């Protein structure tokens, strides 16, 4: 039975490191890798986010639920800057007014609850699928705000991917387990 799923709804429009930064860190002084490095940067950032259990650049993460979240149910998104909640009313998706709910840190995730003196709207029965969508905006809007350890990790992982093009990005990260220790200062330990 469907209970929930979480996925990135809107990818970051900006990465924590630039093509020029990667080329400088890897001592690349020509253009032969200019077309592939941006994709490698995105892959390395996504791996860093998975490893650290947090999002580094601004993006929207959607969690779809079968029912309203319980007060102690943590959504797997850390430290959002904005939230939007919609629910299925039987005919269409309806936005819940911002004053009708609160979001808050809950362990290594985010909790969502009806505001004081408010209740969740009733949800109609459906044959299957979600009845509640929670969109949380997370991450930095400025690459300069991303911690240096994250940038170092991304640069190093891109360098390893360039040196081992036959391995997937995840396999490169697995092949160099000490690389992941760079993320320890920003990792969510849960």
N, C-alpha and C. Protein backbone atom coordinates (compact mmCIF):
# COMPACT_ATOMS: atom_id res chain seq x y z
N UNK A 1 0.84 -1.19 0.00
CA UNK A 1 0.00 0.00 0.00
C UNK A 1 0.88 1.25 0.00
N UNK A 2 0.49 2.24 -0.74
CA UNK A 2 1.22 3.51 -0.83
C UNK A 2 1.11 4.26 0.50
N UNK A 3 2.22 4.65 1.07
CA UNK A 3 2.17 5.47 2.28
C UNK A 3 2.87 6.80 2.06
N UNK A 4 4.05 6.80 1.44
CA UNK A 4 4.73 8.06 1.16
C UNK A 4 5.87 7.84 0.18
N UNK A 5 6.28 8.93 -0.43
CA UNK A 5 7.50 8.94 -1.24
C UNK A 5 8.02 10.37 -1.25
N UNK A 6 9.33 10.50 -1.36
CA UNK A 6 9.97 11.81 -1.37
C UNK A 6 10.89 11.89 -2.58
N UNK A 7 10.86 13.01 -3.27
CA UNK A 7 11.70 13.19 -4.46
C UNK A 7 11.96 14.68 -4.68
N UNK A 8 12.99 14.98 -5.45
CA UNK A 8 13.32 16.36 -5.79
C UNK A 8 12.36 16.81 -6.88
N UNK A 9 11.60 17.83 -6.59
CA UNK A 9 10.63 18.37 -7.54
C UNK A 9 11.28 19.39 -8.47
N UNK A 10 12.11 20.26 -7.90
CA UNK A 10 12.79 21.29 -8.67
C UNK A 10 14.28 21.20 -8.37
N UNK A 11 15.06 20.85 -9.39
CA UNK A 11 16.51 20.73 -9.23
C UNK A 11 17.14 22.10 -8.99
N UNK A 12 18.32 22.14 -8.37
CA UNK A 12 19.01 23.42 -8.19
C UNK A 12 19.33 24.07 -9.54
N UNK A 13 19.26 25.38 -9.59
CA UNK A 13 19.62 26.10 -10.81
C UNK A 13 21.08 26.52 -10.77
N UNK A 14 21.74 26.25 -9.66
CA UNK A 14 23.11 26.67 -9.43
C UNK A 14 23.81 25.55 -8.66
N UNK A 15 25.07 25.31 -8.98
CA UNK A 15 25.85 24.28 -8.27
C UNK A 15 26.82 24.94 -7.29
N UNK A 16 27.28 24.21 -6.27
CA UNK A 16 28.18 24.79 -5.27
C UNK A 16 29.57 25.13 -5.82
N UNK A 17 29.99 24.43 -6.87
CA UNK A 17 31.28 24.71 -7.49
C UNK A 17 31.05 24.94 -8.98
N UNK A 18 31.95 25.68 -9.58
CA UNK A 18 31.84 26.02 -11.00
C UNK A 18 32.79 25.17 -11.84
N UNK A 19 32.58 25.20 -13.12
CA UNK A 19 33.49 24.55 -14.06
C UNK A 19 34.91 25.06 -13.85
N UNK A 20 35.06 26.37 -13.73
CA UNK A 20 36.39 26.96 -13.55
C UNK A 20 37.06 26.47 -12.26
N UNK A 21 36.28 26.34 -11.19
CA UNK A 21 36.84 25.86 -9.92
C UNK A 21 37.31 24.41 -10.03
N UNK A 22 36.52 23.58 -10.69
CA UNK A 22 36.92 22.18 -10.86
C UNK A 22 38.17 22.11 -11.73
N UNK A 23 38.19 22.85 -12.82
CA UNK A 23 39.36 22.82 -13.71
C UNK A 23 40.61 23.29 -12.97
N UNK A 24 40.48 24.31 -12.13
CA UNK A 24 41.64 24.78 -11.36
C UNK A 24 42.09 23.72 -10.36
N UNK A 25 41.13 23.09 -9.66
CA UNK A 25 41.49 22.10 -8.64
C UNK A 25 42.10 20.84 -9.26
N UNK A 26 41.72 20.54 -10.49
CA UNK A 26 42.22 19.33 -11.17
C UNK A 26 43.37 19.64 -12.13
N UNK A 27 43.77 20.90 -12.15
CA UNK A 27 44.88 21.35 -13.02
C UNK A 27 44.61 21.02 -14.49
N UNK A 28 43.41 21.33 -14.92
CA UNK A 28 43.01 21.15 -16.32
C UNK A 28 43.06 22.53 -16.97
N UNK A 29 43.88 22.65 -18.00
CA UNK A 29 44.03 23.96 -18.63
C UNK A 29 43.58 24.00 -20.09
N UNK A 30 42.78 23.00 -20.48
CA UNK A 30 42.21 23.01 -21.84
C UNK A 30 40.71 22.79 -21.74
N UNK A 31 40.05 22.67 -22.89
CA UNK A 31 38.58 22.59 -22.90
C UNK A 31 38.05 21.19 -23.19
N UNK A 32 38.87 20.18 -23.20
CA UNK A 32 38.42 18.84 -23.61
C UNK A 32 37.34 18.24 -22.71
N UNK A 33 37.27 18.66 -21.44
CA UNK A 33 36.27 18.12 -20.52
C UNK A 33 35.14 19.10 -20.22
N UNK A 34 35.12 20.24 -20.88
CA UNK A 34 34.16 21.30 -20.55
C UNK A 34 32.70 20.87 -20.71
N UNK A 35 32.42 19.94 -21.59
CA UNK A 35 31.03 19.51 -21.79
C UNK A 35 30.57 18.49 -20.76
N UNK A 36 31.51 17.73 -20.18
CA UNK A 36 31.08 16.70 -19.22
C UNK A 36 31.22 17.13 -17.77
N UNK A 37 32.08 18.06 -17.47
CA UNK A 37 32.30 18.45 -16.08
C UNK A 37 31.03 18.97 -15.41
N UNK A 38 30.20 19.81 -16.06
CA UNK A 38 28.97 20.25 -15.37
C UNK A 38 28.07 19.10 -14.91
N UNK A 39 27.94 18.07 -15.74
CA UNK A 39 27.15 16.91 -15.34
C UNK A 39 27.79 16.16 -14.18
N UNK A 40 29.12 16.08 -14.18
CA UNK A 40 29.82 15.43 -13.08
C UNK A 40 29.67 16.22 -11.78
N UNK A 41 29.67 17.55 -11.89
CA UNK A 41 29.46 18.39 -10.71
C UNK A 41 28.08 18.12 -10.12
N UNK A 42 27.05 18.06 -10.98
CA UNK A 42 25.69 17.77 -10.51
C UNK A 42 25.61 16.41 -9.84
N UNK A 43 26.25 15.41 -10.46
CA UNK A 43 26.24 14.06 -9.89
C UNK A 43 26.97 14.04 -8.54
N UNK A 44 28.10 14.73 -8.46
CA UNK A 44 28.85 14.76 -7.21
C UNK A 44 28.07 15.49 -6.12
N UNK A 45 27.38 16.57 -6.47
CA UNK A 45 26.56 17.27 -5.49
C UNK A 45 25.44 16.37 -4.98
N UNK A 46 24.80 15.65 -5.90
CA UNK A 46 23.71 14.74 -5.49
C UNK A 46 24.23 13.64 -4.57
N UNK A 47 25.41 13.12 -4.85
CA UNK A 47 26.00 12.10 -3.97
C UNK A 47 26.34 12.71 -2.61
N UNK A 48 26.88 13.93 -2.62
CA UNK A 48 27.19 14.60 -1.35
C UNK A 48 25.93 14.80 -0.53
N UNK A 49 24.84 15.19 -1.19
CA UNK A 49 23.57 15.39 -0.48
C UNK A 49 23.06 14.07 0.10
N UNK A 50 23.18 13.01 -0.67
CA UNK A 50 22.74 11.69 -0.19
C UNK A 50 23.60 11.25 1.01
N UNK A 51 24.91 11.43 0.89
CA UNK A 51 25.82 11.04 1.97
C UNK A 51 25.56 11.84 3.25
N UNK A 52 25.36 13.15 3.09
CA UNK A 52 25.21 14.02 4.26
C UNK A 52 23.78 14.10 4.77
N UNK A 53 22.83 13.60 3.99
CA UNK A 53 21.40 13.63 4.34
C UNK A 53 20.88 15.05 4.47
N UNK A 54 21.35 15.92 3.58
CA UNK A 54 20.87 17.30 3.54
C UNK A 54 21.07 17.84 2.13
N UNK A 55 20.46 18.96 1.85
CA UNK A 55 20.53 19.58 0.52
C UNK A 55 21.37 20.84 0.61
N UNK A 56 22.31 20.99 -0.32
CA UNK A 56 23.25 22.10 -0.24
C UNK A 56 22.85 23.30 -1.06
N UNK A 57 22.23 23.10 -2.20
CA UNK A 57 21.80 24.22 -3.04
C UNK A 57 20.27 24.25 -3.08
N UNK A 58 19.72 25.44 -3.30
CA UNK A 58 18.27 25.58 -3.22
C UNK A 58 17.55 24.69 -4.23
N UNK A 59 16.59 23.95 -3.71
CA UNK A 59 15.75 23.06 -4.51
C UNK A 59 14.45 22.82 -3.75
N UNK A 60 13.48 22.29 -4.45
CA UNK A 60 12.21 21.97 -3.82
C UNK A 60 12.09 20.45 -3.75
N UNK A 61 11.84 19.94 -2.55
CA UNK A 61 11.70 18.51 -2.33
C UNK A 61 10.24 18.24 -1.96
N UNK A 62 9.63 17.32 -2.69
CA UNK A 62 8.22 16.98 -2.44
C UNK A 62 8.12 15.65 -1.71
N UNK A 63 7.28 15.64 -0.69
CA UNK A 63 6.88 14.40 -0.03
C UNK A 63 5.40 14.22 -0.27
N UNK A 64 5.03 13.06 -0.80
CA UNK A 64 3.63 12.72 -1.02
C UNK A 64 3.22 11.71 0.04
N UNK A 65 2.08 11.96 0.67
CA UNK A 65 1.59 11.10 1.75
C UNK A 65 0.18 10.61 1.45
N UNK A 66 -0.14 9.48 2.00
CA UNK A 66 -1.48 8.93 1.90
C UNK A 66 -2.44 9.70 2.82
N UNK A 67 -1.93 10.16 3.96
CA UNK A 67 -2.75 10.84 4.95
C UNK A 67 -1.95 12.00 5.54
N UNK A 68 -2.58 12.81 6.36
CA UNK A 68 -1.89 13.90 7.01
C UNK A 68 -0.80 13.33 7.90
N UNK A 69 0.36 14.03 8.00
CA UNK A 69 1.43 13.51 8.85
C UNK A 69 1.04 13.55 10.32
N UNK A 70 1.55 12.60 11.07
CA UNK A 70 1.37 12.58 12.52
C UNK A 70 2.33 13.57 13.14
N UNK A 71 2.04 14.02 14.34
CA UNK A 71 2.87 15.05 14.99
C UNK A 71 4.31 14.60 15.16
N UNK A 72 4.56 13.29 15.25
CA UNK A 72 5.93 12.80 15.46
C UNK A 72 6.53 12.18 14.20
N UNK A 73 5.90 12.40 13.05
CA UNK A 73 6.38 11.84 11.79
C UNK A 73 7.30 12.86 11.12
N UNK A 74 8.58 12.52 11.00
CA UNK A 74 9.55 13.42 10.40
C UNK A 74 9.60 13.20 8.89
N UNK A 75 9.48 14.29 8.15
CA UNK A 75 9.70 14.24 6.71
C UNK A 75 11.20 14.23 6.49
N UNK A 76 11.69 13.47 5.49
CA UNK A 76 13.15 13.30 5.36
C UNK A 76 13.84 14.49 4.70
N UNK A 77 13.54 15.68 5.16
CA UNK A 77 14.15 16.90 4.63
C UNK A 77 14.59 17.74 5.82
N UNK A 78 15.84 18.20 5.78
CA UNK A 78 16.42 18.91 6.91
C UNK A 78 16.43 20.42 6.65
N UNK A 79 15.95 21.19 7.59
CA UNK A 79 16.07 22.64 7.64
C UNK A 79 15.50 23.38 6.42
N UNK A 80 14.20 23.23 6.16
CA UNK A 80 13.62 23.96 5.04
C UNK A 80 13.50 25.46 5.33
N UNK A 81 13.46 26.24 4.27
CA UNK A 81 13.27 27.68 4.40
C UNK A 81 11.84 28.09 4.04
N UNK A 82 11.09 27.20 3.40
CA UNK A 82 9.70 27.48 3.04
C UNK A 82 8.96 26.16 2.87
N UNK A 83 7.64 26.23 3.04
CA UNK A 83 6.81 25.04 2.88
C UNK A 83 5.54 25.43 2.13
N UNK A 84 5.03 24.48 1.35
CA UNK A 84 3.74 24.62 0.69
C UNK A 84 3.04 23.28 0.81
N UNK A 85 1.79 23.29 1.20
CA UNK A 85 1.04 22.06 1.41
C UNK A 85 -0.20 22.08 0.53
N UNK A 86 -0.42 21.00 -0.21
CA UNK A 86 -1.65 20.84 -0.99
C UNK A 86 -2.27 19.50 -0.63
N UNK A 87 -3.56 19.41 -0.83
CA UNK A 87 -4.25 18.15 -0.55
C UNK A 87 -5.30 17.91 -1.63
N UNK A 88 -5.62 16.64 -1.84
CA UNK A 88 -6.60 16.22 -2.83
C UNK A 88 -7.99 16.31 -2.20
N UNK A 89 -8.87 17.10 -2.80
CA UNK A 89 -10.20 17.26 -2.21
C UNK A 89 -11.25 16.38 -2.88
N UNK A 90 -10.80 15.50 -3.74
CA UNK A 90 -11.70 14.60 -4.45
C UNK A 90 -11.86 14.96 -5.91
N UNK A 91 -11.53 16.22 -6.24
CA UNK A 91 -11.64 16.67 -7.63
C UNK A 91 -10.36 17.34 -8.12
N UNK A 92 -9.61 17.98 -7.20
CA UNK A 92 -8.39 18.68 -7.60
C UNK A 92 -7.49 18.88 -6.39
N UNK A 93 -6.25 19.31 -6.67
CA UNK A 93 -5.32 19.62 -5.60
C UNK A 93 -5.59 21.05 -5.12
N UNK A 94 -5.71 21.21 -3.80
CA UNK A 94 -6.04 22.49 -3.19
C UNK A 94 -4.90 22.91 -2.26
N UNK A 95 -4.49 24.16 -2.37
CA UNK A 95 -3.44 24.68 -1.48
C UNK A 95 -4.01 24.94 -0.10
N UNK A 96 -3.30 24.50 0.90
CA UNK A 96 -3.67 24.77 2.29
C UNK A 96 -3.09 26.13 2.67
N UNK A 97 -3.89 26.99 3.23
CA UNK A 97 -3.42 28.32 3.61
C UNK A 97 -2.23 28.21 4.55
N UNK A 98 -1.24 29.09 4.37
CA UNK A 98 -0.03 29.05 5.18
C UNK A 98 -0.27 29.15 6.67
N UNK A 99 -1.34 29.81 7.09
CA UNK A 99 -1.65 29.92 8.51
C UNK A 99 -2.29 28.68 9.08
N UNK A 100 -2.57 27.68 8.23
CA UNK A 100 -3.23 26.47 8.70
C UNK A 100 -2.29 25.39 9.19
N UNK A 101 -0.98 25.63 9.05
CA UNK A 101 -0.02 24.61 9.46
C UNK A 101 1.28 25.28 9.91
N UNK A 102 2.10 24.52 10.60
CA UNK A 102 3.43 24.95 11.00
C UNK A 102 4.41 23.84 10.63
N UNK A 103 5.62 24.22 10.32
CA UNK A 103 6.67 23.23 10.12
C UNK A 103 7.81 23.55 11.06
N UNK A 104 8.55 22.51 11.45
CA UNK A 104 9.55 22.66 12.51
C UNK A 104 10.56 21.54 12.40
N UNK A 105 11.75 21.77 12.97
CA UNK A 105 12.75 20.72 13.02
C UNK A 105 12.28 19.57 13.88
N UNK A 106 12.48 18.37 13.39
CA UNK A 106 12.09 17.17 14.12
C UNK A 106 13.18 16.12 13.91
N UNK A 107 14.08 16.00 14.87
CA UNK A 107 15.21 15.09 14.72
C UNK A 107 16.05 15.52 13.53
N UNK A 108 16.29 14.62 12.62
CA UNK A 108 17.09 14.93 11.44
C UNK A 108 16.22 15.30 10.25
N UNK A 109 14.95 15.58 10.50
CA UNK A 109 14.03 15.93 9.42
C UNK A 109 13.18 17.12 9.78
N UNK A 110 12.00 17.16 9.21
CA UNK A 110 11.07 18.27 9.41
C UNK A 110 9.71 17.71 9.80
N UNK A 111 9.13 18.31 10.82
CA UNK A 111 7.77 17.95 11.22
C UNK A 111 6.78 18.94 10.64
N UNK A 112 5.57 18.50 10.45
CA UNK A 112 4.50 19.36 9.95
C UNK A 112 3.27 19.07 10.80
N UNK A 113 2.61 20.12 11.27
CA UNK A 113 1.44 19.94 12.11
C UNK A 113 0.42 21.02 11.79
N UNK A 114 -0.85 20.72 12.07
CA UNK A 114 -1.88 21.74 11.96
C UNK A 114 -1.56 22.84 12.97
N UNK A 115 -1.81 24.07 12.59
CA UNK A 115 -1.56 25.20 13.50
C UNK A 115 -2.45 25.08 14.73
N UNK A 116 -2.08 25.78 15.80
CA UNK A 116 -2.91 25.80 16.99
C UNK A 116 -4.32 26.27 16.63
N UNK A 117 -5.31 25.62 17.22
CA UNK A 117 -6.73 25.94 16.96
C UNK A 117 -7.14 25.71 15.52
N UNK A 118 -6.39 24.88 14.80
CA UNK A 118 -6.75 24.52 13.42
C UNK A 118 -6.74 23.00 13.32
N UNK A 119 -7.44 22.48 12.35
CA UNK A 119 -7.45 21.04 12.11
C UNK A 119 -7.17 20.81 10.63
N UNK A 120 -6.69 19.62 10.34
CA UNK A 120 -6.47 19.26 8.95
C UNK A 120 -7.81 19.09 8.26
N UNK A 121 -7.93 19.49 6.99
CA UNK A 121 -9.17 19.21 6.25
C UNK A 121 -9.37 17.70 6.10
N UNK A 122 -10.60 17.28 5.99
CA UNK A 122 -10.89 15.87 5.76
C UNK A 122 -10.45 15.48 4.36
N UNK A 123 -9.90 14.30 4.24
CA UNK A 123 -9.44 13.81 2.95
C UNK A 123 -10.42 12.76 2.44
N UNK A 124 -10.83 12.87 1.17
CA UNK A 124 -11.76 11.87 0.64
C UNK A 124 -11.03 10.55 0.35
N UNK A 125 -11.78 9.50 0.24
CA UNK A 125 -11.21 8.22 -0.15
C UNK A 125 -10.75 8.29 -1.60
N UNK A 126 -9.66 7.62 -1.89
CA UNK A 126 -9.16 7.49 -3.26
C UNK A 126 -8.80 6.04 -3.49
N UNK A 127 -8.81 5.64 -4.75
CA UNK A 127 -8.48 4.25 -5.08
C UNK A 127 -7.01 3.96 -4.80
N UNK A 128 -6.17 4.94 -4.92
CA UNK A 128 -4.74 4.76 -4.67
C UNK A 128 -3.99 6.05 -4.93
N UNK A 129 -2.80 6.13 -4.39
CA UNK A 129 -1.98 7.31 -4.61
C UNK A 129 -2.06 8.30 -3.47
N UNK A 130 -1.32 9.38 -3.60
CA UNK A 130 -1.23 10.34 -2.50
C UNK A 130 -2.48 11.20 -2.37
N UNK A 131 -2.69 11.69 -1.16
CA UNK A 131 -3.76 12.66 -0.91
C UNK A 131 -3.21 13.95 -0.33
N UNK A 132 -1.92 13.95 0.03
CA UNK A 132 -1.27 15.14 0.59
C UNK A 132 0.08 15.31 -0.09
N UNK A 133 0.39 16.54 -0.49
CA UNK A 133 1.71 16.87 -1.05
C UNK A 133 2.31 17.98 -0.20
N UNK A 134 3.55 17.75 0.21
CA UNK A 134 4.26 18.75 1.01
C UNK A 134 5.54 19.11 0.26
N UNK A 135 5.62 20.36 -0.17
CA UNK A 135 6.79 20.85 -0.90
C UNK A 135 7.62 21.71 0.04
N UNK A 136 8.85 21.28 0.28
CA UNK A 136 9.76 22.02 1.16
C UNK A 136 10.92 22.58 0.34
N UNK A 137 11.16 23.87 0.49
CA UNK A 137 12.29 24.51 -0.17
C UNK A 137 13.47 24.44 0.79
N UNK A 138 14.58 23.90 0.29
CA UNK A 138 15.76 23.69 1.12
C UNK A 138 17.01 24.13 0.37
N UNK A 139 18.08 24.35 1.09
CA UNK A 139 19.37 24.63 0.49
C UNK A 139 19.69 26.11 0.38
N UNK A 140 20.93 26.36 0.05
CA UNK A 140 21.46 27.72 -0.06
C UNK A 140 21.13 28.33 -1.41
N UNK A 141 20.90 29.63 -1.43
CA UNK A 141 20.67 30.35 -2.68
C UNK A 141 21.97 30.87 -3.27
N UNK A 142 23.03 30.86 -2.47
CA UNK A 142 24.32 31.40 -2.90
C UNK A 142 25.39 30.32 -2.69
N UNK A 143 26.13 30.01 -3.74
CA UNK A 143 27.17 28.98 -3.64
C UNK A 143 28.23 29.35 -2.61
N UNK A 144 28.44 30.64 -2.39
CA UNK A 144 29.44 31.08 -1.41
C UNK A 144 29.07 30.65 0.01
N UNK A 145 27.79 30.38 0.26
CA UNK A 145 27.34 29.98 1.60
C UNK A 145 27.56 28.49 1.87
N UNK A 146 27.91 27.72 0.85
CA UNK A 146 28.14 26.29 1.03
C UNK A 146 29.51 26.09 1.68
N UNK A 147 29.56 25.23 2.67
CA UNK A 147 30.77 25.01 3.45
C UNK A 147 31.93 24.52 2.56
N UNK A 148 33.14 24.94 2.86
CA UNK A 148 34.31 24.52 2.07
C UNK A 148 34.49 23.01 2.01
N UNK A 149 34.13 22.29 3.08
CA UNK A 149 34.30 20.83 3.06
C UNK A 149 33.43 20.18 1.98
N UNK A 150 32.25 20.75 1.72
CA UNK A 150 31.36 20.23 0.67
C UNK A 150 31.97 20.51 -0.69
N UNK A 151 32.49 21.71 -0.88
CA UNK A 151 33.11 22.06 -2.16
C UNK A 151 34.34 21.19 -2.42
N UNK A 152 35.12 20.93 -1.38
CA UNK A 152 36.29 20.06 -1.53
C UNK A 152 35.87 18.66 -1.92
N UNK A 153 34.81 18.15 -1.27
CA UNK A 153 34.30 16.82 -1.59
C UNK A 153 33.88 16.75 -3.06
N UNK A 154 33.11 17.73 -3.51
CA UNK A 154 32.63 17.74 -4.89
C UNK A 154 33.80 17.81 -5.87
N UNK A 155 34.76 18.71 -5.61
CA UNK A 155 35.94 18.81 -6.48
C UNK A 155 36.70 17.49 -6.52
N UNK A 156 36.91 16.87 -5.37
CA UNK A 156 37.66 15.61 -5.32
C UNK A 156 36.91 14.49 -6.02
N UNK A 157 35.59 14.43 -5.82
CA UNK A 157 34.81 13.37 -6.46
C UNK A 157 34.79 13.56 -7.98
N UNK A 158 34.64 14.78 -8.45
CA UNK A 158 34.69 15.04 -9.89
C UNK A 158 36.06 14.62 -10.44
N UNK A 159 37.12 14.95 -9.72
CA UNK A 159 38.46 14.54 -10.15
C UNK A 159 38.59 13.03 -10.25
N UNK A 160 38.04 12.32 -9.28
CA UNK A 160 38.08 10.85 -9.33
C UNK A 160 37.26 10.31 -10.49
N UNK A 161 36.11 10.95 -10.76
CA UNK A 161 35.28 10.50 -11.88
C UNK A 161 35.99 10.74 -13.21
N UNK A 162 36.72 11.83 -13.32
CA UNK A 162 37.48 12.10 -14.54
C UNK A 162 38.61 11.09 -14.72
N UNK A 163 39.21 10.68 -13.61
CA UNK A 163 40.31 9.71 -13.69
C UNK A 163 39.82 8.28 -13.91
N UNK A 164 38.58 7.98 -13.53
CA UNK A 164 38.02 6.63 -13.66
C UNK A 164 36.69 6.68 -14.41
N UNK A 165 36.71 7.03 -15.70
CA UNK A 165 35.45 7.21 -16.43
C UNK A 165 34.65 5.92 -16.60
N UNK A 166 35.28 4.77 -16.37
CA UNK A 166 34.56 3.51 -16.51
C UNK A 166 33.70 3.19 -15.28
N UNK A 167 33.87 3.92 -14.18
CA UNK A 167 33.08 3.70 -12.98
C UNK A 167 31.94 4.71 -12.90
N UNK A 168 30.82 4.30 -12.33
CA UNK A 168 29.74 5.25 -12.08
C UNK A 168 30.16 6.17 -10.95
N UNK A 169 29.44 7.29 -10.80
CA UNK A 169 29.76 8.25 -9.74
C UNK A 169 29.67 7.58 -8.37
N UNK A 170 28.64 6.77 -8.16
CA UNK A 170 28.48 6.10 -6.87
C UNK A 170 29.61 5.10 -6.63
N UNK A 171 30.04 4.41 -7.67
CA UNK A 171 31.14 3.45 -7.53
C UNK A 171 32.44 4.16 -7.19
N UNK A 172 32.65 5.34 -7.75
CA UNK A 172 33.85 6.12 -7.42
C UNK A 172 33.83 6.49 -5.95
N UNK A 173 32.68 6.95 -5.46
CA UNK A 173 32.56 7.32 -4.04
C UNK A 173 32.80 6.10 -3.16
N UNK A 174 32.26 4.95 -3.54
CA UNK A 174 32.45 3.72 -2.77
C UNK A 174 33.90 3.26 -2.80
N UNK A 175 34.59 3.49 -3.92
CA UNK A 175 35.98 3.05 -4.06
C UNK A 175 36.93 3.88 -3.20
N UNK A 176 36.50 5.06 -2.79
CA UNK A 176 37.34 5.94 -1.99
C UNK A 176 36.59 6.32 -0.70
N UNK A 177 36.47 5.39 0.25
CA UNK A 177 35.65 5.63 1.44
C UNK A 177 36.11 6.80 2.30
N UNK A 178 37.38 7.14 2.29
CA UNK A 178 37.84 8.27 3.09
C UNK A 178 37.36 9.60 2.52
N UNK A 179 37.02 9.60 1.25
CA UNK A 179 36.48 10.81 0.62
C UNK A 179 35.22 11.28 1.34
N UNK A 180 34.37 10.34 1.73
CA UNK A 180 33.12 10.68 2.41
C UNK A 180 33.35 11.36 3.76
N UNK A 181 34.51 11.14 4.38
CA UNK A 181 34.81 11.77 5.68
C UNK A 181 34.88 13.29 5.56
N UNK A 182 35.12 13.80 4.34
CA UNK A 182 35.13 15.25 4.15
C UNK A 182 33.79 15.87 4.53
N UNK A 183 32.71 15.10 4.42
CA UNK A 183 31.37 15.61 4.69
C UNK A 183 30.97 15.51 6.16
N UNK A 184 31.81 14.92 6.99
CA UNK A 184 31.46 14.74 8.40
C UNK A 184 31.04 16.03 9.11
N UNK A 185 31.68 17.19 8.84
CA UNK A 185 31.24 18.40 9.56
C UNK A 185 29.82 18.87 9.22
N UNK A 186 29.28 18.43 8.11
CA UNK A 186 27.93 18.86 7.72
C UNK A 186 26.92 17.72 7.69
N UNK A 187 27.37 16.54 7.98
CA UNK A 187 26.52 15.34 7.92
C UNK A 187 25.44 15.36 9.00
N UNK A 188 24.25 14.88 8.66
CA UNK A 188 23.19 14.69 9.64
C UNK A 188 23.37 13.27 10.18
N UNK A 189 23.66 13.16 11.45
CA UNK A 189 23.96 11.88 12.08
C UNK A 189 22.68 11.29 12.67
N UNK A 190 21.94 10.59 11.84
CA UNK A 190 20.72 9.97 12.34
C UNK A 190 20.50 8.62 11.73
